Amino acid sequence: VLQVGTGDVPSSLNFYGKCGFTRSGSIKNFFTDNYDHP
């Protein structure tokens, strides 16, 4: 398996979709919990 984690943003999701990726999960609040700024 090749996986990637990304933001829930249409442009990113569309790019990865065109590369053959499908949704496989998520981590709630990852960006708000792990980064020091929005």
PDB file of all heavy atoms in Angstrom:
ATOM      1  N   VAL A   1       0.837  -1.202   0.000  1.00  0.00           N
ATOM      2  CA  VAL A   1       0.000   0.000   0.000  1.00  0.00           C
ATOM      3  C   VAL A   1       0.873   1.254   0.000  1.00  0.00           C
ATOM      4  O   VAL A   1       1.864   1.324   0.730  1.00  0.00           O
ATOM      5  CB  VAL A   1      -0.927   0.026   1.245  1.00  0.00           C
ATOM      6  CG1 VAL A   1      -1.675   1.341   1.355  1.00  0.00           C
ATOM      7  CG2 VAL A   1      -1.891  -1.145   1.224  1.00  0.00           C
ATOM      8  N   LEU A   2       0.475   2.224  -0.800  1.00  0.00           N
ATOM      9  CA  LEU A   2       1.052   3.567  -0.756  1.00  0.00           C
ATOM     10  C   LEU A   2      -0.036   4.472  -0.204  1.00  0.00           C
ATOM     11  O   LEU A   2      -1.160   4.473  -0.714  1.00  0.00           O
ATOM     12  CB  LEU A   2       1.467   4.034  -2.157  1.00  0.00           C
ATOM     13  CG  LEU A   2       2.077   5.430  -2.263  1.00  0.00           C
ATOM     14  CD1 LEU A   2       3.359   5.538  -1.439  1.00  0.00           C
ATOM     15  CD2 LEU A   2       2.348   5.776  -3.729  1.00  0.00           C
ATOM     16  N   GLN A   3       0.279   5.175   0.885  1.00  0.00           N
ATOM     17  CA  GLN A   3      -0.722   6.066   1.477  1.00  0.00           C
ATOM     18  C   GLN A   3      -0.166   7.477   1.612  1.00  0.00           C
ATOM     19  O   GLN A   3       1.038   7.690   1.584  1.00  0.00           O
ATOM     20  CB  GLN A   3      -1.200   5.545   2.831  1.00  0.00           C
ATOM     21  CG  GLN A   3      -0.251   5.750   3.982  1.00  0.00           C
ATOM     22  CD  GLN A   3      -0.814   5.258   5.313  1.00  0.00           C
ATOM     23  OE1 GLN A   3      -1.794   4.528   5.371  1.00  0.00           O
ATOM     24  NE2 GLN A   3      -0.164   5.654   6.394  1.00  0.00           N
ATOM     25  N   VAL A   4      -1.103   8.411   1.753  1.00  0.00           N
ATOM     26  CA  VAL A   4      -0.750   9.807   1.945  1.00  0.00           C
ATOM     27  C   VAL A   4      -1.796  10.441   2.846  1.00  0.00           C
ATOM     28  O   VAL A   4      -2.979  10.112   2.766  1.00  0.00           O
ATOM     29  CB  VAL A   4      -0.644  10.555   0.581  1.00  0.00           C
ATOM     30  CG1 VAL A   4      -1.969  10.564  -0.157  1.00  0.00           C
ATOM     31  CG2 VAL A   4      -0.098  11.962   0.760  1.00  0.00           C
ATOM     32  N   GLY A   5      -1.349  11.325   3.719  1.00  0.00           N
ATOM     33  CA  GLY A   5      -2.259  12.104   4.547  1.00  0.00           C
ATOM     34  C   GLY A   5      -2.265  13.531   4.035  1.00  0.00           C
ATOM     35  O   GLY A   5      -1.217  14.094   3.734  1.00  0.00           O
ATOM     36  N   THR A   6      -3.449  14.116   3.934  1.00  0.00           N
ATOM     37  CA  THR A   6      -3.562  15.467   3.389  1.00  0.00           C
ATOM     38  C   THR A   6      -4.733  16.191   4.032  1.00  0.00           C
ATOM     39  O   THR A   6      -5.541  15.587   4.740  1.00  0.00           O
ATOM     40  CB  THR A   6      -3.716  15.415   1.848  1.00  0.00           C
ATOM     41  OG1 THR A   6      -3.599  16.738   1.312  1.00  0.00           O
ATOM     42  CG2 THR A   6      -5.042  14.796   1.438  1.00  0.00           C
ATOM     43  N   GLY A   7      -4.830  17.475   3.781  1.00  0.00           N
ATOM     44  CA  GLY A   7      -5.961  18.248   4.261  1.00  0.00           C
ATOM     45  C   GLY A   7      -7.213  17.919   3.469  1.00  0.00           C
ATOM     46  O   GLY A   7      -7.142  17.459   2.331  1.00  0.00           O
ATOM     47  N   ASP A   8      -8.357  18.152   4.090  1.00  0.00           N
ATOM     48  CA  ASP A   8      -9.650  17.871   3.467  1.00  0.00           C
ATOM     49  C   ASP A   8     -10.021  19.039   2.557  1.00  0.00           C
ATOM     50  O   ASP A   8     -10.910  19.841   2.852  1.00  0.00           O
ATOM     51  CB  ASP A   8     -10.702  17.641   4.547  1.00  0.00           C
ATOM     52  CG  ASP A   8     -11.960  16.996   4.007  1.00  0.00           C
ATOM     53  OD1 ASP A   8     -12.006  16.710   2.797  1.00  0.00           O
ATOM     54  OD2 ASP A   8     -12.897  16.783   4.796  1.00  0.00           O
ATOM     55  N   VAL A   9      -9.292  19.122   1.441  1.00  0.00           N
ATOM     56  CA  VAL A   9      -9.424  20.229   0.493  1.00  0.00           C
ATOM     57  C   VAL A   9      -9.653  19.643  -0.902  1.00  0.00           C
ATOM     58  O   VAL A   9      -8.903  18.756  -1.326  1.00  0.00           O
ATOM     59  CB  VAL A   9      -8.139  21.095   0.502  1.00  0.00           C
ATOM     60  CG1 VAL A   9      -8.216  22.213  -0.501  1.00  0.00           C
ATOM     61  CG2 VAL A   9      -7.871  21.641   1.899  1.00  0.00           C
ATOM     62  N   PRO A  10     -10.677  20.110  -1.616  1.00  0.00           N
ATOM     63  CA  PRO A  10     -10.991  19.528  -2.933  1.00  0.00           C
ATOM     64  C   PRO A  10      -9.809  19.428  -3.889  1.00  0.00           C
ATOM     65  O   PRO A  10      -9.642  18.402  -4.551  1.00  0.00           O
ATOM     66  CB  PRO A  10     -12.083  20.446  -3.477  1.00  0.00           C
ATOM     67  CG  PRO A  10     -12.771  20.963  -2.251  1.00  0.00           C
ATOM     68  CD  PRO A  10     -11.660  21.137  -1.231  1.00  0.00           C
ATOM     69  N   SER A  11      -8.967  20.455  -3.977  1.00  0.00           N
ATOM     70  CA  SER A  11      -7.873  20.403  -4.952  1.00  0.00           C
ATOM     71  C   SER A  11      -6.898  19.264  -4.643  1.00  0.00           C
ATOM     72  O   SER A  11      -6.460  18.548  -5.556  1.00  0.00           O
ATOM     73  CB  SER A  11      -7.131  21.738  -5.016  1.00  0.00           C
ATOM     74  OG  SER A  11      -6.570  22.061  -3.755  1.00  0.00           O
ATOM     75  N   SER A  12      -6.582  19.062  -3.385  1.00  0.00           N
ATOM     76  CA  SER A  12      -5.674  17.972  -3.002  1.00  0.00           C
ATOM     77  C   SER A  12      -6.331  16.621  -3.220  1.00  0.00           C
ATOM     78  O   SER A  12      -5.718  15.697  -3.767  1.00  0.00           O
ATOM     79  CB  SER A  12      -5.256  18.102  -1.532  1.00  0.00           C
ATOM     80  OG  SER A  12      -4.496  19.255  -1.346  1.00  0.00           O
ATOM     81  N   LEU A  13      -7.566  16.495  -2.782  1.00  0.00           N
ATOM     82  CA  LEU A  13      -8.281  15.227  -2.924  1.00  0.00           C
ATOM     83  C   LEU A  13      -8.456  14.865  -4.404  1.00  0.00           C
ATOM     84  O   LEU A  13      -8.313  13.698  -4.778  1.00  0.00           O
ATOM     85  CB  LEU A  13      -9.622  15.280  -2.211  1.00  0.00           C
ATOM     86  CG  LEU A  13      -9.543  15.519  -0.690  1.00  0.00           C
ATOM     87  CD1 LEU A  13     -10.934  15.655  -0.098  1.00  0.00           C
ATOM     88  CD2 LEU A  13      -8.757  14.427   0.005  1.00  0.00           C
ATOM     89  N   ASN A  14      -8.727  15.854  -5.236  1.00  0.00           N
ATOM     90  CA  ASN A  14      -8.861  15.608  -6.680  1.00  0.00           C
ATOM     91  C   ASN A  14      -7.538  15.161  -7.293  1.00  0.00           C
ATOM     92  O   ASN A  14      -7.500  14.236  -8.110  1.00  0.00           O
ATOM     93  CB  ASN A  14      -9.383  16.846  -7.406  1.00  0.00           C
ATOM     94  CG  ASN A  14     -10.839  17.133  -7.106  1.00  0.00           C
ATOM     95  OD1 ASN A  14     -11.590  16.250  -6.711  1.00  0.00           O
ATOM     96  ND2 ASN A  14     -11.238  18.381  -7.281  1.00  0.00           N
ATOM     97  N   PHE A  15      -6.447  15.809  -6.906  1.00  0.00           N
ATOM     98  CA  PHE A  15      -5.129  15.438  -7.418  1.00  0.00           C
ATOM     99  C   PHE A  15      -4.823  13.981  -7.085  1.00  0.00           C
ATOM    100  O   PHE A  15      -4.461  13.189  -7.961  1.00  0.00           O
ATOM    101  CB  PHE A  15      -4.036  16.350  -6.858  1.00  0.00           C
ATOM    102  CG  PHE A  15      -2.649  15.831  -7.111  1.00  0.00           C
ATOM    103  CD1 PHE A  15      -2.094  15.873  -8.380  1.00  0.00           C
ATOM    104  CD2 PHE A  15      -1.907  15.263  -6.082  1.00  0.00           C
ATOM    105  CE1 PHE A  15      -0.819  15.363  -8.623  1.00  0.00           C
ATOM    106  CE2 PHE A  15      -0.635  14.757  -6.317  1.00  0.00           C
ATOM    107  CZ  PHE A  15      -0.090  14.810  -7.585  1.00  0.00           C
ATOM    108  N   TYR A  16      -4.968  13.630  -5.817  1.00  0.00           N
ATOM    109  CA  TYR A  16      -4.651  12.254  -5.422  1.00  0.00           C
ATOM    110  C   TYR A  16      -5.625  11.260  -6.045  1.00  0.00           C
ATOM    111  O   TYR A  16      -5.225  10.154  -6.408  1.00  0.00           O
ATOM    112  CB  TYR A  16      -4.606  12.120  -3.900  1.00  0.00           C
ATOM    113  CG  TYR A  16      -3.391  12.800  -3.315  1.00  0.00           C
ATOM    114  CD1 TYR A  16      -3.513  13.909  -2.493  1.00  0.00           C
ATOM    115  CD2 TYR A  16      -2.116  12.336  -3.606  1.00  0.00           C
ATOM    116  CE1 TYR A  16      -2.395  14.535  -1.966  1.00  0.00           C
ATOM    117  CE2 TYR A  16      -0.983  12.965  -3.088  1.00  0.00           C
ATOM    118  CZ  TYR A  16      -1.134  14.058  -2.269  1.00  0.00           C
ATOM    119  OH  TYR A  16      -0.017  14.677  -1.764  1.00  0.00           O
ATOM    120  N   GLY A  17      -6.873  11.643  -6.193  1.00  0.00           N
ATOM    121  CA  GLY A  17      -7.839  10.781  -6.866  1.00  0.00           C
ATOM    122  C   GLY A  17      -7.412  10.475  -8.292  1.00  0.00           C
ATOM    123  O   GLY A  17      -7.497   9.332  -8.755  1.00  0.00           O
ATOM    124  N   LYS A  18      -6.916  11.489  -9.005  1.00  0.00           N
ATOM    125  CA  LYS A  18      -6.446  11.290 -10.380  1.00  0.00           C
ATOM    126  C   LYS A  18      -5.199  10.407 -10.435  1.00  0.00           C
ATOM    127  O   LYS A  18      -4.893   9.822 -11.469  1.00  0.00           O
ATOM    128  CB  LYS A  18      -6.156  12.641 -11.038  1.00  0.00           C
ATOM    129  CG  LYS A  18      -7.413  13.421 -11.349  1.00  0.00           C
ATOM    130  CD  LYS A  18      -7.085  14.775 -11.929  1.00  0.00           C
ATOM    131  CE  LYS A  18      -8.359  15.558 -12.187  1.00  0.00           C
ATOM    132  NZ  LYS A  18      -8.097  16.929 -12.636  1.00  0.00           N
ATOM    133  N   CYS A  19      -4.496  10.317  -9.293  1.00  0.00           N
ATOM    134  CA  CYS A  19      -3.302   9.462  -9.212  1.00  0.00           C
ATOM    135  C   CYS A  19      -3.649   8.062  -8.712  1.00  0.00           C
ATOM    136  O   CYS A  19      -2.756   7.252  -8.461  1.00  0.00           O
ATOM    137  CB  CYS A  19      -2.267  10.099  -8.291  1.00  0.00           C
ATOM    138  SG  CYS A  19      -1.549  11.624  -8.954  1.00  0.00           S
ATOM    139  N   GLY A  20      -4.946   7.770  -8.542  1.00  0.00           N
ATOM    140  CA  GLY A  20      -5.370   6.422  -8.185  1.00  0.00           C
ATOM    141  C   GLY A  20      -5.604   6.156  -6.712  1.00  0.00           C
ATOM    142  O   GLY A  20      -5.825   5.014  -6.310  1.00  0.00           O
ATOM    143  N   PHE A  21      -5.577   7.197  -5.896  1.00  0.00           N
ATOM    144  CA  PHE A  21      -5.792   7.034  -4.460  1.00  0.00           C
ATOM    145  C   PHE A  21      -7.283   7.111  -4.130  1.00  0.00           C
ATOM    146  O   PHE A  21      -8.035   7.824  -4.797  1.00  0.00           O
ATOM    147  CB  PHE A  21      -5.086   8.145  -3.672  1.00  0.00           C
ATOM    148  CG  PHE A  21      -3.591   8.037  -3.646  1.00  0.00           C
ATOM    149  CD1 PHE A  21      -2.829   8.527  -4.696  1.00  0.00           C
ATOM    150  CD2 PHE A  21      -2.935   7.451  -2.573  1.00  0.00           C
ATOM    151  CE1 PHE A  21      -1.442   8.443  -4.675  1.00  0.00           C
ATOM    152  CE2 PHE A  21      -1.554   7.362  -2.536  1.00  0.00           C
ATOM    153  CZ  PHE A  21      -0.805   7.854  -3.598  1.00  0.00           C
ATOM    154  N   THR A  22      -7.682   6.402  -3.067  1.00  0.00           N
ATOM    155  CA  THR A  22      -9.043   6.494  -2.543  1.00  0.00           C
ATOM    156  C   THR A  22      -8.968   6.738  -1.036  1.00  0.00           C
ATOM    157  O   THR A  22      -7.973   6.391  -0.385  1.00  0.00           O
ATOM    158  CB  THR A  22      -9.856   5.208  -2.812  1.00  0.00           C
ATOM    159  OG1 THR A  22      -9.175   4.096  -2.235  1.00  0.00           O
ATOM    160  CG2 THR A  22     -10.047   4.988  -4.301  1.00  0.00           C
ATOM    161  N   ARG A  23     -10.029   7.311  -0.494  1.00  0.00           N
ATOM    162  CA  ARG A  23     -10.091   7.603   0.943  1.00  0.00           C
ATOM    163  C   ARG A  23     -10.000   6.321   1.746  1.00  0.00           C
ATOM    164  O   ARG A  23     -10.673   5.341   1.453  1.00  0.00           O
ATOM    165  CB  ARG A  23     -11.414   8.275   1.274  1.00  0.00           C
ATOM    166  CG  ARG A  23     -11.298   9.713   1.640  1.00  0.00           C
ATOM    167  CD  ARG A  23     -12.683  10.241   2.038  1.00  0.00           C
ATOM    168  NE  ARG A  23     -12.870  11.544   1.486  1.00  0.00           N
ATOM    169  CZ  ARG A  23     -12.834  12.660   2.219  1.00  0.00           C
ATOM    170  NH1 ARG A  23     -12.677  12.600   3.512  1.00  0.00           N
ATOM    171  NH2 ARG A  23     -12.986  13.818   1.640  1.00  0.00           N
ATOM    172  N   SER A  24      -9.161   6.363   2.792  1.00  0.00           N
ATOM    173  CA  SER A  24      -8.997   5.173   3.621  1.00  0.00           C
ATOM    174  C   SER A  24      -9.109   5.460   5.109  1.00  0.00           C
ATOM    175  O   SER A  24      -9.040   4.541   5.917  1.00  0.00           O
ATOM    176  CB  SER A  24      -7.658   4.496   3.309  1.00  0.00           C
ATOM    177  OG  SER A  24      -6.584   5.395   3.519  1.00  0.00           O
ATOM    178  N   GLY A  25      -9.272   6.721   5.493  1.00  0.00           N
ATOM    179  CA  GLY A  25      -9.399   7.053   6.908  1.00  0.00           C
ATOM    180  C   GLY A  25      -9.160   8.524   7.155  1.00  0.00           C
ATOM    181  O   GLY A  25      -8.984   9.308   6.223  1.00  0.00           O
ATOM    182  N   SER A  26      -9.151   8.892   8.425  1.00  0.00           N
ATOM    183  CA  SER A  26      -8.880  10.289   8.786  1.00  0.00           C
ATOM    184  C   SER A  26      -8.431  10.363  10.236  1.00  0.00           C
ATOM    185  O   SER A  26      -8.635   9.427  11.015  1.00  0.00           O
ATOM    186  CB  SER A  26     -10.124  11.157   8.580  1.00  0.00           C
ATOM    187  OG  SER A  26     -11.145  10.754   9.465  1.00  0.00           O
ATOM    188  N   ILE A  27      -7.799  11.466  10.574  1.00  0.00           N
ATOM    189  CA  ILE A  27      -7.421  11.765  11.954  1.00  0.00           C
ATOM    190  C   ILE A  27      -8.069  13.096  12.299  1.00  0.00           C
ATOM    191  O   ILE A  27      -7.719  14.138  11.730  1.00  0.00           O
ATOM    192  CB  ILE A  27      -5.899  11.846  12.147  1.00  0.00           C
ATOM    193  CG1 ILE A  27      -5.234  10.510  11.781  1.00  0.00           C
ATOM    194  CG2 ILE A  27      -5.571  12.235  13.586  1.00  0.00           C
ATOM    195  CD1 ILE A  27      -3.720  10.538  11.849  1.00  0.00           C
ATOM    196  N   LYS A  28      -9.029  13.044  13.211  1.00  0.00           N
ATOM    197  CA  LYS A  28      -9.745  14.250  13.637  1.00  0.00           C
ATOM    198  C   LYS A  28      -8.780  15.258  14.262  1.00  0.00           C
ATOM    199  O   LYS A  28      -7.909  14.891  15.046  1.00  0.00           O
ATOM    200  CB  LYS A  28     -10.820  13.896  14.665  1.00  0.00           C
ATOM    201  CG  LYS A  28     -12.020  13.202  14.079  1.00  0.00           C
ATOM    202  CD  LYS A  28     -12.883  14.202  13.398  1.00  0.00           C
ATOM    203  CE  LYS A  28     -14.247  13.659  13.086  1.00  0.00           C
ATOM    204  NZ  LYS A  28     -14.849  14.394  12.007  1.00  0.00           N
ATOM    205  N   ASN A  29      -8.954  16.509  13.897  1.00  0.00           N
ATOM    206  CA  ASN A  29      -8.227  17.633  14.482  1.00  0.00           C
ATOM    207  C   ASN A  29      -6.698  17.542  14.355  1.00  0.00           C
ATOM    208  O   ASN A  29      -5.980  18.175  15.121  1.00  0.00           O
ATOM    209  CB  ASN A  29      -8.608  17.812  15.955  1.00  0.00           C
ATOM    210  CG  ASN A  29     -10.090  18.038  16.119  1.00  0.00           C
ATOM    211  OD1 ASN A  29     -10.704  18.787  15.377  1.00  0.00           O
ATOM    212  ND2 ASN A  29     -10.680  17.353  17.088  1.00  0.00           N
ATOM    213  N   PHE A  30      -6.209  16.782  13.409  1.00  0.00           N
ATOM    214  CA  PHE A  30      -4.758  16.611  13.282  1.00  0.00           C
ATOM    215  C   PHE A  30      -4.047  17.957  13.132  1.00  0.00           C
ATOM    216  O   PHE A  30      -3.052  18.220  13.808  1.00  0.00           O
ATOM    217  CB  PHE A  30      -4.408  15.716  12.087  1.00  0.00           C
ATOM    218  CG  PHE A  30      -2.925  15.564  11.898  1.00  0.00           C
ATOM    219  CD1 PHE A  30      -2.228  14.600  12.605  1.00  0.00           C
ATOM    220  CD2 PHE A  30      -2.218  16.388  11.028  1.00  0.00           C
ATOM    221  CE1 PHE A  30      -0.851  14.469  12.463  1.00  0.00           C
ATOM    222  CE2 PHE A  30      -0.846  16.267  10.876  1.00  0.00           C
ATOM    223  CZ  PHE A  30      -0.160  15.297  11.598  1.00  0.00           C
ATOM    224  N   PHE A  31      -4.531  18.789  12.252  1.00  0.00           N
ATOM    225  CA  PHE A  31      -3.836  20.053  11.978  1.00  0.00           C
ATOM    226  C   PHE A  31      -3.990  21.048  13.121  1.00  0.00           C
ATOM    227  O   PHE A  31      -3.051  21.767  13.458  1.00  0.00           O
ATOM    228  CB  PHE A  31      -4.306  20.647  10.648  1.00  0.00           C
ATOM    229  CG  PHE A  31      -3.898  19.813   9.467  1.00  0.00           C
ATOM    230  CD1 PHE A  31      -4.807  18.974   8.841  1.00  0.00           C
ATOM    231  CD2 PHE A  31      -2.594  19.833   8.996  1.00  0.00           C
ATOM    232  CE1 PHE A  31      -4.440  18.186   7.767  1.00  0.00           C
ATOM    233  CE2 PHE A  31      -2.211  19.037   7.920  1.00  0.00           C
ATOM    234  CZ  PHE A  31      -3.132  18.211   7.308  1.00  0.00           C
ATOM    235  N   THR A  32      -5.146  21.075  13.742  1.00  0.00           N
ATOM    236  CA  THR A  32      -5.346  22.010  14.852  1.00  0.00           C
ATOM    237  C   THR A  32      -4.623  21.543  16.114  1.00  0.00           C
ATOM    238  O   THR A  32      -4.207  22.363  16.932  1.00  0.00           O
ATOM    239  CB  THR A  32      -6.848  22.227  15.140  1.00  0.00           C
ATOM    240  OG1 THR A  32      -7.488  20.960  15.299  1.00  0.00           O
ATOM    241  CG2 THR A  32      -7.507  22.990  13.996  1.00  0.00           C
ATOM    242  N   ASP A  33      -4.447  20.244  16.272  1.00  0.00           N
ATOM    243  CA  ASP A  33      -3.766  19.714  17.456  1.00  0.00           C
ATOM    244  C   ASP A  33      -2.247  19.688  17.335  1.00  0.00           C
ATOM    245  O   ASP A  33      -1.547  19.701  18.347  1.00  0.00           O
ATOM    246  CB  ASP A  33      -4.237  18.279  17.762  1.00  0.00           C
ATOM    247  CG  ASP A  33      -5.659  18.213  18.278  1.00  0.00           C
ATOM    248  OD1 ASP A  33      -6.227  19.265  18.637  1.00  0.00           O
ATOM    249  OD2 ASP A  33      -6.208  17.084  18.313  1.00  0.00           O
ATOM    250  N   ASN A  34      -1.713  19.645  16.121  1.00  0.00           N
ATOM    251  CA  ASN A  34      -0.275  19.429  15.936  1.00  0.00           C
ATOM    252  C   ASN A  34       0.502  20.608  15.370  1.00  0.00           C
ATOM    253  O   ASN A  34       1.729  20.541  15.305  1.00  0.00           O
ATOM    254  CB  ASN A  34      -0.049  18.206  15.039  1.00  0.00           C
ATOM    255  CG  ASN A  34      -0.443  16.931  15.737  1.00  0.00           C
ATOM    256  OD1 ASN A  34       0.241  16.478  16.640  1.00  0.00           O
ATOM    257  ND2 ASN A  34      -1.571  16.365  15.341  1.00  0.00           N
ATOM    258  N   TYR A  35      -0.188  21.651  14.962  1.00  0.00           N
ATOM    259  CA  TYR A  35       0.504  22.813  14.403  1.00  0.00           C
ATOM    260  C   TYR A  35       0.266  24.021  15.293  1.00  0.00           C
ATOM    261  O   TYR A  35      -0.794  24.153  15.900  1.00  0.00           O
ATOM    262  CB  TYR A  35       0.034  23.076  12.960  1.00  0.00           C
ATOM    263  CG  TYR A  35       0.607  22.049  12.004  1.00  0.00           C
ATOM    264  CD1 TYR A  35       0.020  20.789  11.876  1.00  0.00           C
ATOM    265  CD2 TYR A  35       1.751  22.319  11.274  1.00  0.00           C
ATOM    266  CE1 TYR A  35       0.560  19.831  11.030  1.00  0.00           C
ATOM    267  CE2 TYR A  35       2.295  21.373  10.422  1.00  0.00           C
ATOM    268  CZ  TYR A  35       1.698  20.130  10.314  1.00  0.00           C
ATOM    269  OH  TYR A  35       2.238  19.179   9.488  1.00  0.00           O
ATOM    270  N   ASP A  36       1.258  24.885  15.347  1.00  0.00           N
ATOM    271  CA  ASP A  36       1.187  26.015  16.276  1.00  0.00           C
ATOM    272  C   ASP A  36       0.432  27.218  15.731  1.00  0.00           C
ATOM    273  O   ASP A  36       0.380  28.253  16.376  1.00  0.00           O
ATOM    274  CB  ASP A  36       2.594  26.416  16.732  1.00  0.00           C
ATOM    275  CG  ASP A  36       3.480  26.930  15.608  1.00  0.00           C
ATOM    276  OD1 ASP A  36       2.974  27.159  14.477  1.00  0.00           O
ATOM    277  OD2 ASP A  36       4.688  27.098  15.850  1.00  0.00           O
ATOM    278  N   HIS A  37      -0.148  27.080  14.556  1.00  0.00           N
ATOM    279  CA  HIS A  37      -0.925  28.168  13.960  1.00  0.00           C
ATOM    280  C   HIS A  37      -1.969  27.558  13.025  1.00  0.00           C
ATOM    281  O   HIS A  37      -1.784  26.445  12.534  1.00  0.00           O
ATOM    282  CB  HIS A  37      -0.015  29.131  13.194  1.00  0.00           C
ATOM    283  CG  HIS A  37       0.689  28.492  12.033  1.00  0.00           C
ATOM    284  ND1 HIS A  37       1.785  27.669  12.177  1.00  0.00           N
ATOM    285  CD2 HIS A  37       0.424  28.530  10.704  1.00  0.00           C
ATOM    286  CE1 HIS A  37       2.172  27.240  10.990  1.00  0.00           C
ATOM    287  NE2 HIS A  37       1.362  27.740  10.074  1.00  0.00           N
ATOM    288  N   PRO A  38      -3.044  28.278  12.784  1.00  0.00           N
ATOM    289  CA  PRO A  38      -4.043  27.781  11.823  1.00  0.00           C
ATOM    290  C   PRO A  38      -3.418  27.684  10.429  1.00  0.00           C
ATOM    291  O   PRO A  38      -2.671  28.559  10.009  1.00  0.00           O
ATOM    292  CB  PRO A  38      -5.142  28.839  11.849  1.00  0.00           C
ATOM    293  CG  PRO A  38      -4.932  29.586  13.117  1.00  0.00           C
ATOM    294  CD  PRO A  38      -3.464  29.528  13.405  1.00  0.00           C
TER     295      PRO A  38
END
